[in-house]
PDB file of N, CA and C in Angstrom:
ATOM      1  N   PRO A   1       4.619 143.968  55.299  1.00  0.00           N
ATOM      2  CA  PRO A   1       5.599 144.850  55.615  1.00  0.00           C
ATOM      3  C   PRO A   1       5.766 146.050  57.268  1.00  0.00           C
ATOM      4  N   GLU A   2       6.138 146.119  57.454  1.00  0.00           N
ATOM      5  CA  GLU A   2       5.965 145.966  59.213  1.00  0.00           C
ATOM      6  C   GLU A   2       5.100 148.105  58.695  1.00  0.00           C
ATOM      7  N   GLU A   3       5.895 148.711  57.817  1.00  0.00           N
ATOM      8  CA  GLU A   3       5.270 150.046  56.978  1.00  0.00           C
ATOM      9  C   GLU A   3       3.670 150.557  57.557  1.00  0.00           C
ATOM     10  N   GLU A   4       3.167 148.974  56.786  1.00  0.00           N
ATOM     11  CA  GLU A   4       1.727 148.506  57.069  1.00  0.00           C
ATOM     12  C   GLU A   4       1.146 148.625  57.605  1.00  0.00           C
ATOM     13  N   LEU A   5       1.156 148.293  59.739  1.00  0.00           N
ATOM     14  CA  LEU A   5       0.955 148.617  60.231  1.00  0.00           C
ATOM     15  C   LEU A   5      -0.405 149.324  60.404  1.00  0.00           C
ATOM     16  N   SER A   6       0.454 150.637  59.845  1.00  0.00           N
ATOM     17  CA  SER A   6      -0.711 151.180  60.318  1.00  0.00           C
ATOM     18  C   SER A   6      -2.374 151.543  59.574  1.00  0.00           C
ATOM     19  N   ALA A   7      -1.856 150.769  58.214  1.00  0.00           N
ATOM     20  CA  ALA A   7      -2.754 150.832  58.031  1.00  0.00           C
ATOM     21  C   ALA A   7      -3.478 150.425  58.080  1.00  0.00           C
ATOM     22  N   ILE A   8      -3.481 149.050  57.813  1.00  0.00           N
ATOM     23  CA  ILE A   8      -4.315 147.327  58.556  1.00  0.00           C
ATOM     24  C   ILE A   8      -5.088 147.451  59.942  1.00  0.00           C
ATOM     25  N   ALA A   9      -4.216 149.319  60.870  1.00  0.00           N
ATOM     26  CA  ALA A   9      -5.070 149.186  62.327  1.00  0.00           C
ATOM     27  C   ALA A   9      -6.009 149.748  61.648  1.00  0.00           C
ATOM     28  N   ASP A  10      -6.298 151.061  60.866  1.00  0.00           N
ATOM     29  CA  ASP A  10      -6.661 151.529  60.149  1.00  0.00           C
ATOM     30  C   ASP A  10      -7.917 151.028  59.713  1.00  0.00           C
ATOM     31  N   ASP A  11      -8.085 150.524  58.622  1.00  0.00           N
ATOM     32  CA  ASP A  11      -8.828 148.897  58.336  1.00  0.00           C
ATOM     33  C   ASP A  11      -9.354 148.197  59.238  1.00  0.00           C
ATOM     34  N   THR A  12      -9.318 147.867  60.194  1.00  0.00           N
ATOM     35  CA  THR A  12      -9.319 147.198  61.038  1.00  0.00           C
ATOM     36  C   THR A  12     -10.953 147.545  61.853  1.00  0.00           C
ATOM     37  N   GLN A  13     -11.410 148.904  62.218  1.00  0.00           N
ATOM     38  CA  GLN A  13     -11.962 149.645  62.431  1.00  0.00           C
ATOM     39  C   GLN A  13     -13.460 149.572  62.024  1.00  0.00           C
ATOM     40  N   LYS A  14     -13.235 149.256  60.481  1.00  0.00           N
ATOM     41  CA  LYS A  14     -14.435 149.062  59.587  1.00  0.00           C
ATOM     42  C   LYS A  14     -15.209 147.667  59.566  1.00  0.00           C
ATOM     43  N   LEU A  15     -14.643 146.024  60.259  1.00  0.00           N
ATOM     44  CA  LEU A  15     -14.870 145.889  60.085  1.00  0.00           C
ATOM     45  C   LEU A  15     -16.230 145.537  60.693  1.00  0.00           C
ATOM     46  N   PRO A  16     -17.361 144.919  60.242  1.00  0.00           N
ATOM     47  CA  PRO A  16     -19.032 144.847  60.747  1.00  0.00           C
ATOM     48  C   PRO A  16     -19.093 143.735  61.960  1.00  0.00           C
ATOM     49  N   ASP A  17     -17.862 143.133  61.973  1.00  0.00           N
ATOM     50  CA  ASP A  17     -18.494 142.546  63.223  1.00  0.00           C
ATOM     51  C   ASP A  17     -17.888 143.318  65.068  1.00  0.00           C
ATOM     52  N   TYR A  18     -17.477 144.617  64.477  1.00  0.00           N
ATOM     53  CA  TYR A  18     -16.692 145.265  65.349  1.00  0.00           C
ATOM     54  C   TYR A  18     -18.533 146.192  66.264  1.00  0.00           C
ATOM     55  N   THR A  19     -19.487 145.750  65.325  1.00  0.00           N
ATOM     56  CA  THR A  19     -20.593 146.364  66.101  1.00  0.00           C
ATOM     57  C   THR A  19     -20.988 145.430  67.124  1.00  0.00           C
ATOM     58  N   VAL A  20     -21.306 144.090  67.451  1.00  0.00           N
ATOM     59  CA  VAL A  20     -21.255 143.510  68.381  1.00  0.00           C
ATOM     60  C   VAL A  20     -20.411 142.914  69.202  1.00  0.00           C
ATOM     61  N   ASN A  21     -19.251 143.557  69.555  1.00  0.00           N
ATOM     62  CA  ASN A  21     -18.555 143.468  70.314  1.00  0.00           C
ATOM     63  C   ASN A  21     -18.627 144.197  71.667  1.00  0.00           C
ATOM     64  N   PRO A  22     -18.733 144.249  73.034  1.00  0.00           N
ATOM     65  CA  PRO A  22     -19.118 145.065  73.743  1.00  0.00           C
ATOM     66  C   PRO A  22     -17.846 146.314  74.366  1.00  0.00           C
ATOM     67  N   ARG A  23     -17.103 145.920  74.038  1.00  0.00           N
ATOM     68  CA  ARG A  23     -15.407 146.885  73.966  1.00  0.00           C
ATOM     69  C   ARG A  23     -14.848 146.573  73.009  1.00  0.00           C
ATOM     70  N   ILE A  24     -15.198 147.711  72.103  1.00  0.00           N
ATOM     71  CA  ILE A  24     -14.471 147.876  70.759  1.00  0.00           C
ATOM     72  C   ILE A  24     -13.311 148.815  71.169  1.00  0.00           C
ATOM     73  N   ALA A  25     -12.022 147.569  70.282  1.00  0.00           N
ATOM     74  CA  ALA A  25     -10.299 148.049  70.506  1.00  0.00           C
ATOM     75  C   ALA A  25     -10.448 149.916  70.278  1.00  0.00           C
ATOM     76  N   THR A  26      -9.521 150.139  70.451  1.00  0.00           N
ATOM     77  CA  THR A  26      -9.370 151.666  70.037  1.00  0.00           C
ATOM     78  C   THR A  26      -8.437 151.574  69.137  1.00  0.00           C
ATOM     79  N   ARG A  27      -7.754 151.884  67.712  1.00  0.00           N
ATOM     80  CA  ARG A  27      -6.857 151.785  66.448  1.00  0.00           C
ATOM     81  C   ARG A  27      -5.606 151.565  67.332  1.00  0.00           C
ATOM     82  N   ASP A  28      -5.168 152.403  68.256  1.00  0.00           N
ATOM     83  CA  ASP A  28      -3.974 152.352  69.271  1.00  0.00           C
ATOM     84  C   ASP A  28      -3.885 151.073  69.655  1.00  0.00           C
ATOM     85  N   GLU A  29      -4.672 150.736  70.290  1.00  0.00           N
ATOM     86  CA  GLU A  29      -4.581 149.306  71.329  1.00  0.00           C
ATOM     87  C   GLU A  29      -4.064 148.910  70.327  1.00  0.00           C
ATOM     88  N   ILE A  30      -5.396 148.565  68.373  1.00  0.00           N
ATOM     89  CA  ILE A  30      -4.915 147.351  67.533  1.00  0.00           C
ATOM     90  C   ILE A  30      -3.212 147.724  67.417  1.00  0.00           C
ATOM     91  N   TYR A  31      -2.773 149.058  66.940  1.00  0.00           N
ATOM     92  CA  TYR A  31      -2.133 148.765  66.246  1.00  0.00           C
ATOM     93  C   TYR A  31      -0.474 148.210  68.035  1.00  0.00           C
ATOM     94  N   LYS A  32      -0.820 148.640  68.714  1.00  0.00           N
ATOM     95  CA  LYS A  32       0.301 148.340  68.964  1.00  0.00           C
ATOM     96  C   LYS A  32      -0.097 146.610  69.696  1.00  0.00           C
ATOM     97  N   MET A  33      -0.416 146.170  69.464  1.00  0.00           N
ATOM     98  CA  MET A  33      -1.207 144.837  69.391  1.00  0.00           C
ATOM     99  C   MET A  33      -0.537 144.140  67.680  1.00  0.00           C
ATOM    100  N   LEU A  34      -0.541 144.891  67.316  1.00  0.00           N
ATOM    101  CA  LEU A  34      -0.188 144.744  65.934  1.00  0.00           C
ATOM    102  C   LEU A  34       1.193 144.347  66.122  1.00  0.00           C
ATOM    103  N   LYS A  35       1.947 145.978  65.903  1.00  0.00           N
ATOM    104  CA  LYS A  35       3.562 146.129  66.602  1.00  0.00           C
ATOM    105  C   LYS A  35       3.767 144.988  66.919  1.00  0.00           C
ATOM    106  N   SER A  36       3.278 144.720  68.409  1.00  0.00           N
ATOM    107  CA  SER A  36       4.093 143.074  69.478  1.00  0.00           C
ATOM    108  C   SER A  36       4.197 142.043  68.345  1.00  0.00           C
ATOM    109  N   SER A  37       3.204 141.785  67.815  1.00  0.00           N
ATOM    110  CA  SER A  37       3.442 140.588  67.290  1.00  0.00           C
ATOM    111  C   SER A  37       4.237 140.479  65.787  1.00  0.00           C
ATOM    112  N   TYR A  38       3.992 141.269  65.333  1.00  0.00           N
ATOM    113  CA  TYR A  38       5.331 141.365  64.031  1.00  0.00           C
ATOM    114  C   TYR A  38       6.608 141.817  64.838  1.00  0.00           C
ATOM    115  N   ASN A  39       7.226 141.954  65.864  1.00  0.00           N
ATOM    116  CA  ASN A  39       8.396 141.894  66.586  1.00  0.00           C
ATOM    117  C   ASN A  39       9.187 140.145  66.380  1.00  0.00           C
TER     118      ASN A  39
END
């Protein structure tokens, strides 16, 4: 459900593969991407 998008965005920052990315997306960027793909 759409109301869970915020929690999903928060949890994606905890994934270990984020440590190897040259640029880590912010929580807000992730949320916006999830929100746009949800609609």
